[in-house]
Amino acid sequence: MKDKERYTVYDNKKKVILKTNEISEALKVREENKHIGAYIEDRKNKNKHRNDYIG
């Protein structure tokens, strides 16, 4: 089954934190979890938000 949410927030171990269609919600969750290396993966453009990884 394919997820319909556009944005998925992952931690640095590829564990899903959140799936949403709202970029503002995804950015907020990523900011809250940046201490664990959270990043956003865009279903339509896989590499667009991956550069935000701070580590």
PDB file of N, CA and C in Angstrom:
ATOM      1  N   MET A   1       0.840  -1.178   0.000  1.00  0.00           N
ATOM      2  CA  MET A   1       0.000   0.000   0.000  1.00  0.00           C
ATOM      3  C   MET A   1       0.889   1.247   0.000  1.00  0.00           C
ATOM      4  N   LYS A   2       0.624   2.174  -0.878  1.00  0.00           N
ATOM      5  CA  LYS A   2       1.423   3.396  -1.019  1.00  0.00           C
ATOM      6  C   LYS A   2       0.852   4.501  -0.139  1.00  0.00           C
ATOM      7  N   ASP A   3       1.736   5.164   0.620  1.00  0.00           N
ATOM      8  CA  ASP A   3       1.314   6.293   1.444  1.00  0.00           C
ATOM      9  C   ASP A   3       1.023   7.490   0.545  1.00  0.00           C
ATOM     10  N   LYS A   4       0.002   8.256   0.900  1.00  0.00           N
ATOM     11  CA  LYS A   4      -0.358   9.416   0.095  1.00  0.00           C
ATOM     12  C   LYS A   4       0.219  10.704   0.641  1.00  0.00           C
ATOM     13  N   GLU A   5       0.815  10.668   1.832  1.00  0.00           N
ATOM     14  CA  GLU A   5       1.405  11.868   2.390  1.00  0.00           C
ATOM     15  C   GLU A   5       2.651  12.244   1.601  1.00  0.00           C
ATOM     16  N   ARG A   6       2.827  13.540   1.362  1.00  0.00           N
ATOM     17  CA  ARG A   6       3.952  13.989   0.545  1.00  0.00           C
ATOM     18  C   ARG A   6       5.253  14.021   1.327  1.00  0.00           C
ATOM     19  N   TYR A   7       5.227  14.502   2.573  1.00  0.00           N
ATOM     20  CA  TYR A   7       6.441  14.683   3.360  1.00  0.00           C
ATOM     21  C   TYR A   7       6.516  13.643   4.474  1.00  0.00           C
ATOM     22  N   THR A   8       7.686  13.058   4.619  1.00  0.00           N
ATOM     23  CA  THR A   8       7.939  12.113   5.692  1.00  0.00           C
ATOM     24  C   THR A   8       9.165  12.589   6.450  1.00  0.00           C
ATOM     25  N   VAL A   9       9.038  12.672   7.784  1.00  0.00           N
ATOM     26  CA  VAL A   9      10.158  13.084   8.616  1.00  0.00           C
ATOM     27  C   VAL A   9      10.769  11.829   9.214  1.00  0.00           C
ATOM     28  N   TYR A  10      12.086  11.671   9.010  1.00  0.00           N
ATOM     29  CA  TYR A  10      12.823  10.518   9.510  1.00  0.00           C
ATOM     30  C   TYR A  10      13.872  10.970  10.515  1.00  0.00           C
ATOM     31  N   ASP A  11      14.286  10.039  11.392  1.00  0.00           N
ATOM     32  CA  ASP A  11      15.464  10.318  12.214  1.00  0.00           C
ATOM     33  C   ASP A  11      16.685   9.762  11.485  1.00  0.00           C
ATOM     34  N   ASN A  12      17.858   9.876  12.082  1.00  0.00           N
ATOM     35  CA  ASN A  12      19.082   9.464  11.396  1.00  0.00           C
ATOM     36  C   ASN A  12      19.196   7.953  11.201  1.00  0.00           C
ATOM     37  N   LYS A  13      18.325   7.171  11.821  1.00  0.00           N
ATOM     38  CA  LYS A  13      18.328   5.717  11.644  1.00  0.00           C
ATOM     39  C   LYS A  13      17.210   5.253  10.719  1.00  0.00           C
ATOM     40  N   LYS A  14      16.649   6.215   9.940  1.00  0.00           N
ATOM     41  CA  LYS A  14      15.602   5.940   8.955  1.00  0.00           C
ATOM     42  C   LYS A  14      14.286   5.490   9.594  1.00  0.00           C
ATOM     43  N   LYS A  15      14.064   5.866  10.866  1.00  0.00           N
ATOM     44  CA  LYS A  15      12.806   5.582  11.553  1.00  0.00           C
ATOM     45  C   LYS A  15      11.832   6.727  11.281  1.00  0.00           C
ATOM     46  N   VAL A  16      10.596   6.402  10.911  1.00  0.00           N
ATOM     47  CA  VAL A  16       9.592   7.410  10.590  1.00  0.00           C
ATOM     48  C   VAL A  16       9.120   8.098  11.863  1.00  0.00           C
ATOM     49  N   ILE A  17       9.172   9.429  11.854  1.00  0.00           N
ATOM     50  CA  ILE A  17       8.662  10.224  12.966  1.00  0.00           C
ATOM     51  C   ILE A  17       7.266  10.745  12.641  1.00  0.00           C
ATOM     52  N   LEU A  18       7.074  11.222  11.397  1.00  0.00           N
ATOM     53  CA  LEU A  18       5.802  11.833  11.003  1.00  0.00           C
ATOM     54  C   LEU A  18       5.621  11.729   9.499  1.00  0.00           C
ATOM     55  N   LYS A  19       4.356  11.550   9.067  1.00  0.00           N
ATOM     56  CA  LYS A  19       3.981  11.621   7.661  1.00  0.00           C
ATOM     57  C   LYS A  19       2.890  12.666   7.547  1.00  0.00           C
ATOM     58  N   THR A  20       3.059  13.617   6.635  1.00  0.00           N
ATOM     59  CA  THR A  20       2.102  14.704   6.496  1.00  0.00           C
ATOM     60  C   THR A  20       2.122  15.281   5.093  1.00  0.00           C
ATOM     61  N   ASN A  21       1.097  16.053   4.775  1.00  0.00           N
ATOM     62  CA  ASN A  21       1.051  16.792   3.521  1.00  0.00           C
ATOM     63  C   ASN A  21       1.447  18.245   3.709  1.00  0.00           C
ATOM     64  N   GLU A  22       1.580  18.695   4.945  1.00  0.00           N
ATOM     65  CA  GLU A  22       1.883  20.088   5.258  1.00  0.00           C
ATOM     66  C   GLU A  22       3.373  20.274   5.519  1.00  0.00           C
ATOM     67  N   ILE A  23       4.050  21.099   4.714  1.00  0.00           N
ATOM     68  CA  ILE A  23       5.477  21.339   4.888  1.00  0.00           C
ATOM     69  C   ILE A  23       5.744  22.081   6.194  1.00  0.00           C
ATOM     70  N   SER A  24       4.844  22.977   6.600  1.00  0.00           N
ATOM     71  CA  SER A  24       5.060  23.722   7.842  1.00  0.00           C
ATOM     72  C   SER A  24       5.074  22.789   9.041  1.00  0.00           C
ATOM     73  N   GLU A  25       4.195  21.801   9.057  1.00  0.00           N
ATOM     74  CA  GLU A  25       4.159  20.822  10.141  1.00  0.00           C
ATOM     75  C   GLU A  25       5.421  19.953  10.120  1.00  0.00           C
ATOM     76  N   ALA A  26       5.855  19.562   8.931  1.00  0.00           N
ATOM     77  CA  ALA A  26       7.056  18.745   8.802  1.00  0.00           C
ATOM     78  C   ALA A  26       8.291  19.514   9.270  1.00  0.00           C
ATOM     79  N   LEU A  27       8.391  20.795   8.905  1.00  0.00           N
ATOM     80  CA  LEU A  27       9.524  21.613   9.334  1.00  0.00           C
ATOM     81  C   LEU A  27       9.546  21.793  10.846  1.00  0.00           C
ATOM     82  N   LYS A  28       8.389  21.949  11.447  1.00  0.00           N
ATOM     83  CA  LYS A  28       8.292  22.114  12.905  1.00  0.00           C
ATOM     84  C   LYS A  28       8.780  20.851  13.622  1.00  0.00           C
ATOM     85  N   VAL A  29       8.328  19.690  13.161  1.00  0.00           N
ATOM     86  CA  VAL A  29       8.736  18.421  13.772  1.00  0.00           C
ATOM     87  C   VAL A  29      10.219  18.170  13.552  1.00  0.00           C
ATOM     88  N   ARG A  30      10.723  18.504  12.367  1.00  0.00           N
ATOM     89  CA  ARG A  30      12.162  18.348  12.105  1.00  0.00           C
ATOM     90  C   ARG A  30      12.989  19.207  13.051  1.00  0.00           C
ATOM     91  N   GLU A  31      12.548  20.436  13.266  1.00  0.00           N
ATOM     92  CA  GLU A  31      13.261  21.353  14.162  1.00  0.00           C
ATOM     93  C   GLU A  31      13.254  20.830  15.596  1.00  0.00           C
ATOM     94  N   GLU A  32      12.125  20.272  16.034  1.00  0.00           N
ATOM     95  CA  GLU A  32      12.007  19.721  17.384  1.00  0.00           C
ATOM     96  C   GLU A  32      12.894  18.494  17.577  1.00  0.00           C
ATOM     97  N   ASN A  33      13.180  17.770  16.503  1.00  0.00           N
ATOM     98  CA  ASN A  33      13.940  16.525  16.589  1.00  0.00           C
ATOM     99  C   ASN A  33      15.311  16.602  15.938  1.00  0.00           C
ATOM    100  N   LYS A  34      15.833  17.797  15.724  1.00  0.00           N
ATOM    101  CA  LYS A  34      17.127  17.901  15.043  1.00  0.00           C
ATOM    102  C   LYS A  34      18.269  17.328  15.874  1.00  0.00           C
ATOM    103  N   HIS A  35      18.096  17.190  17.187  1.00  0.00           N
ATOM    104  CA  HIS A  35      19.133  16.592  18.030  1.00  0.00           C
ATOM    105  C   HIS A  35      19.343  15.112  17.723  1.00  0.00           C
ATOM    106  N   ILE A  36      18.365  14.471  17.084  1.00  0.00           N
ATOM    107  CA  ILE A  36      18.533  13.069  16.690  1.00  0.00           C
ATOM    108  C   ILE A  36      18.773  12.945  15.185  1.00  0.00           C
ATOM    109  N   GLY A  37      19.051  14.053  14.521  1.00  0.00           N
ATOM    110  CA  GLY A  37      19.375  14.027  13.093  1.00  0.00           C
ATOM    111  C   GLY A  37      18.167  13.909  12.189  1.00  0.00           C
ATOM    112  N   ALA A  38      17.038  14.492  12.578  1.00  0.00           N
ATOM    113  CA  ALA A  38      15.821  14.403  11.776  1.00  0.00           C
ATOM    114  C   ALA A  38      15.983  15.127  10.443  1.00  0.00           C
ATOM    115  N   TYR A  39      15.371  14.569   9.404  1.00  0.00           N
ATOM    116  CA  TYR A  39      15.356  15.193   8.085  1.00  0.00           C
ATOM    117  C   TYR A  39      14.037  14.875   7.401  1.00  0.00           C
ATOM    118  N   ILE A  40      13.731  15.668   6.383  1.00  0.00           N
ATOM    119  CA  ILE A  40      12.475  15.522   5.654  1.00  0.00           C
ATOM    120  C   ILE A  40      12.752  14.893   4.303  1.00  0.00           C
ATOM    121  N   GLU A  41      11.904  13.932   3.936  1.00  0.00           N
ATOM    122  CA  GLU A  41      11.978  13.353   2.599  1.00  0.00           C
ATOM    123  C   GLU A  41      10.695  13.714   1.864  1.00  0.00           C
ATOM    124  N   ASP A  42      10.838  14.347   0.717  1.00  0.00           N
ATOM    125  CA  ASP A  42       9.715  14.771  -0.111  1.00  0.00           C
ATOM    126  C   ASP A  42       9.429  13.656  -1.114  1.00  0.00           C
ATOM    127  N   ARG A  43       8.205  13.164  -1.127  1.00  0.00           N
ATOM    128  CA  ARG A  43       7.847  12.057  -2.008  1.00  0.00           C
ATOM    129  C   ARG A  43       7.992  12.433  -3.478  1.00  0.00           C
ATOM    130  N   LYS A  44       7.775  13.707  -3.813  1.00  0.00           N
ATOM    131  CA  LYS A  44       7.859  14.137  -5.211  1.00  0.00           C
ATOM    132  C   LYS A  44       9.267  14.527  -5.629  1.00  0.00           C
ATOM    133  N   ASN A  45      10.115  14.892  -4.663  1.00  0.00           N
ATOM    134  CA  ASN A  45      11.491  15.286  -4.967  1.00  0.00           C
ATOM    135  C   ASN A  45      12.380  14.759  -3.837  1.00  0.00           C
ATOM    136  N   LYS A  46      12.916  13.588  -3.993  1.00  0.00           N
ATOM    137  CA  LYS A  46      13.602  12.858  -2.923  1.00  0.00           C
ATOM    138  C   LYS A  46      14.771  13.603  -2.289  1.00  0.00           C
ATOM    139  N   ASN A  47      15.511  14.411  -3.024  1.00  0.00           N
ATOM    140  CA  ASN A  47      16.726  15.022  -2.493  1.00  0.00           C
ATOM    141  C   ASN A  47      16.573  16.481  -2.053  1.00  0.00           C
ATOM    142  N   LYS A  48      15.415  17.067  -2.229  1.00  0.00           N
ATOM    143  CA  LYS A  48      15.245  18.498  -1.971  1.00  0.00           C
ATOM    144  C   LYS A  48      15.536  18.886  -0.524  1.00  0.00           C
ATOM    145  N   HIS A  49      14.979  18.187   0.452  1.00  0.00           N
ATOM    146  CA  HIS A  49      15.120  18.556   1.857  1.00  0.00           C
ATOM    147  C   HIS A  49      16.180  17.731   2.582  1.00  0.00           C
ATOM    148  N   ARG A  50      16.799  16.804   1.930  1.00  0.00           N
ATOM    149  CA  ARG A  50      17.796  15.948   2.567  1.00  0.00           C
ATOM    150  C   ARG A  50      19.050  16.718   2.944  1.00  0.00           C
ATOM    151  N   ASN A  51      19.340  17.800   2.279  1.00  0.00           N
ATOM    152  CA  ASN A  51      20.523  18.601   2.575  1.00  0.00           C
ATOM    153  C   ASN A  51      20.413  19.324   3.903  1.00  0.00           C
ATOM    154  N   ASP A  52      19.246  19.298   4.523  1.00  0.00           N
ATOM    155  CA  ASP A  52      19.037  19.977   5.799  1.00  0.00           C
ATOM    156  C   ASP A  52      19.587  19.189   6.981  1.00  0.00           C
ATOM    157  N   TYR A  53      20.094  17.982   6.744  1.00  0.00           N
ATOM    158  CA  TYR A  53      20.624  17.154   7.827  1.00  0.00           C
ATOM    159  C   TYR A  53      21.815  17.838   8.482  1.00  0.00           C
ATOM    160  N   ILE A  54      21.729  17.986   9.796  1.00  0.00           N
ATOM    161  CA  ILE A  54      22.787  18.682  10.536  1.00  0.00           C
ATOM    162  C   ILE A  54      23.712  17.696  11.211  1.00  0.00           C
ATOM    163  N   GLY A  55      23.184  16.601  11.721  1.00  0.00           N
ATOM    164  CA  GLY A  55      23.991  15.548  12.305  1.00  0.00           C
ATOM    165  C   GLY A  55      24.606  15.961  13.548  1.00  0.00           C
TER     166      GLY A  55
END
